[in-house]
Amino acid sequence: MALAPATPSALSLPAARDDLIAFGPLLSDDGTRPLGTAALLRAPTPAAACAVLSPASYASVEVHPWEPGGRR
């Protein structure tokens, strides 16, 4: 999850897409304001997952481990 893209046009599909499961904007409750980006993907490490989104385009990038059935 990445918070606050620099501009709404900053949202672009990552180049490395082999393990990308889902990708899209995080919107405000009323759906009018972009708040960030969510990406669900398979990655060997948190650093590799974080590298999918350009840190320069976001205020912060967070990685949350998840597996089918929920978090560990």
Protein backbone atom coordinates (compact mmCIF):
# COMPACT_ATOMS: atom_id res chain seq x y z
CA MET A 1 0.00 0.00 0.00
CA ALA A 2 1.33 3.42 -0.91
CA LEU A 3 -0.13 6.65 0.39
CA ALA A 4 -0.75 9.87 -1.50
CA PRO A 5 0.50 9.71 -5.08
CA ALA A 6 2.25 12.93 -6.08
CA THR A 7 -0.43 13.47 -8.72
CA PRO A 8 -3.45 11.39 -9.77
CA SER A 9 -1.60 10.64 -13.01
CA ALA A 10 1.22 9.05 -10.95
CA LEU A 11 -0.84 5.85 -10.86
CA SER A 12 0.60 3.58 -13.51
CA LEU A 13 0.81 -0.18 -13.73
CA PRO A 14 4.20 -1.46 -12.47
CA ALA A 15 6.63 -2.80 -15.07
CA ALA A 16 7.23 -6.05 -13.13
CA ARG A 17 3.82 -7.72 -13.47
CA ASP A 18 4.50 -11.46 -13.39
CA ASP A 19 3.51 -11.78 -9.72
CA LEU A 20 1.02 -8.89 -9.63
CA ILE A 21 -2.42 -10.11 -8.51
CA ALA A 22 -4.33 -6.83 -8.10
CA PHE A 23 -3.50 -3.15 -8.47
CA GLY A 24 -5.55 0.01 -8.17
CA PRO A 25 -6.23 3.34 -6.50
CA LEU A 26 -7.25 3.88 -2.87
CA LEU A 27 -10.02 6.48 -2.93
CA SER A 28 -11.68 8.69 -0.31
CA ASP A 29 -14.99 7.47 1.14
CA ASP A 30 -16.94 9.49 -1.42
CA GLY A 31 -14.74 8.20 -4.26
CA THR A 32 -13.67 11.63 -5.43
CA ARG A 33 -10.13 11.94 -4.08
CA PRO A 34 -7.17 9.59 -4.66
CA LEU A 35 -5.47 8.74 -1.35
CA GLY A 36 -2.95 6.19 -2.58
CA THR A 37 -2.46 2.89 -4.34
CA ALA A 38 -2.98 -0.74 -3.32
CA ALA A 39 -1.03 -3.59 -4.89
CA LEU A 40 -1.43 -7.27 -4.09
CA LEU A 41 1.49 -9.35 -5.30
CA ARG A 42 3.79 -12.27 -4.62
CA ALA A 43 7.29 -11.18 -3.62
CA PRO A 44 10.21 -13.01 -1.98
CA THR A 45 10.93 -10.18 0.50
CA PRO A 46 9.25 -7.02 1.79
CA ALA A 47 11.93 -4.95 0.02
CA ALA A 48 11.09 -6.62 -3.30
CA ALA A 49 7.38 -5.90 -2.76
CA CYS A 50 8.12 -2.28 -1.89
CA ALA A 51 10.21 -1.87 -5.05
CA VAL A 52 7.15 -2.52 -7.25
CA LEU A 53 5.90 1.01 -6.46
CA SER A 54 8.19 3.97 -7.02
CA PRO A 55 8.94 5.47 -3.59
CA ALA A 56 9.59 8.85 -5.25
CA SER A 57 5.94 9.00 -6.31
CA TYR A 58 4.43 8.47 -2.85
CA ALA A 59 4.53 10.02 0.63
CA SER A 60 5.09 6.51 2.06
CA VAL A 61 5.04 2.88 0.94
CA GLU A 62 3.98 0.11 3.35
CA VAL A 63 4.26 -3.67 2.98
CA HIS A 64 1.86 -5.95 4.86
CA PRO A 65 2.44 -9.73 4.73
CA TRP A 66 -0.62 -11.67 3.67
CA GLU A 67 -1.43 -15.19 2.53
CA PRO A 68 -4.64 -16.85 1.35
CA GLY A 69 -6.88 -17.15 4.37
CA GLY A 70 -5.59 -13.95 6.01
CA ARG A 71 -2.48 -12.53 7.61
CA ARG A 72 0.00 -14.75 9.40
